[in-house]
Amino acid sequence: MSDPVFGLDTFGEVPEDDSGVLVSHARAIRQLVEEAVLADDLGVDVLALGEHHRPEYAVSTPETVLAGIATRTSRIRLSSGVTVLSSDDPVRVYQRFATVDALSGGRAEIILGRGSSTESFPLFGFDLSDYDTLFEEKLDLFVRLLEEKPVTWKGTVRAPLENAEVFPTTESGRLTTWVGVGGSPQSVVRTAHYGLPLMLAVISGSAERFAPYVDLYRRAAEQFGTTAHPVGLHSPGFVADTDEEAREVFWPHYREIRDRIGALRGWPPVRRREFDAEIEHGSLYIGSPETVARKIAGAMRGLGVTRFDLLYTAGSQPISARLRAVELYGSKVIPMVRDMLAG
């Protein structure tokens, strides 16, 4: 088994200051850079920034923020989590992340996805009725761009390319690229078809129920004759000094953002007992360092994955609590999980 990798994910939620007032989008972005610097100092392996186009989130262009972080850090890998490829242009996405790769000395990664939120589609002039076609065609083009050779390509969702060269190129010759999948078997098979690493986004229910997807990925890669890379797992959580503190800090902000977005999707309001049950038996990794470490190690063993990314923000948790969560994850949780997996 590959050495385990541990990351932190965030969508760049706008936090509260310690007086309970939401900060500006600009300050939220600067605060995120400080959290990334702390994660880098503590030895966290990866930082992934998600893309959103809603008022609760400050990060709409992950690669721009990652470029700023690249100049303040020295070792942490810098990823999107995810880039909504369907409503972007593959050539520009590649150029922007190749630029981050240059600024960071080869530390850039990208996780491509279709996106569970759809605000970017009307914002950039795309029709949701083309949801599947947009991703399938643009992923096909992006995979060709990874070769860093002249590209000839034709589809229905953008202008064709004829022997086109794309710059800048990377020093390594290839940009590390994953595909984020939320539970579609077709998406798992597609990822295996292109020989790309798979990142499972498990945000509710037991992580072990995704074991068939890991098996499907490996079997599909074997049939296609591609490489079955180590699989990653992305799930939400929060770390504080005690279990009770972690729950009480996380819950009110989580409930607010969950119900606000849920109302748009026809979900009923979340209840505290559902939240507690998801911590005990599902995919919320919330608690003290010991509690979170045990749960992460169990999920990684159960699924046979070698990477775990903790989505450590969900709502407007206070800045001080977020910094403490990053500190505890890097200094305590990750070493504990490594020891548990080694044992």
Foldseek 3Di string as FASTA:
>chain_A
DDAFAEAAEAQLFQAAAPVRHTDDLVVSLVLVLVLLLLLQVLPHAEYEYEADDDPRHSDNDQLVSLLVSLQNHAGHAYEYPADQQLLDALLVVVASQLVSCVSNVRRYAHEYENDPDDPSQVVRPHDCVCSVVSVVQRVVVNLVVQQQFQDFDDDDPDHTGDRDGGDDAHPVRGHQYEYEDADDLVVLLVRLLSQHEYEYEFEKFALLVCLVSLVSNVVSNVVNVHDHDFHEYEYEEFEDQFQVVQCVLQPPFQQVQCVVVCVVVVHDRDDPVRVVVCCVGNGYQYTHLVSSLVSVLVSCVSNVGRYYYYHHDRGHRHSVRSSNRSNCCSNRNVVSNSVVNVD
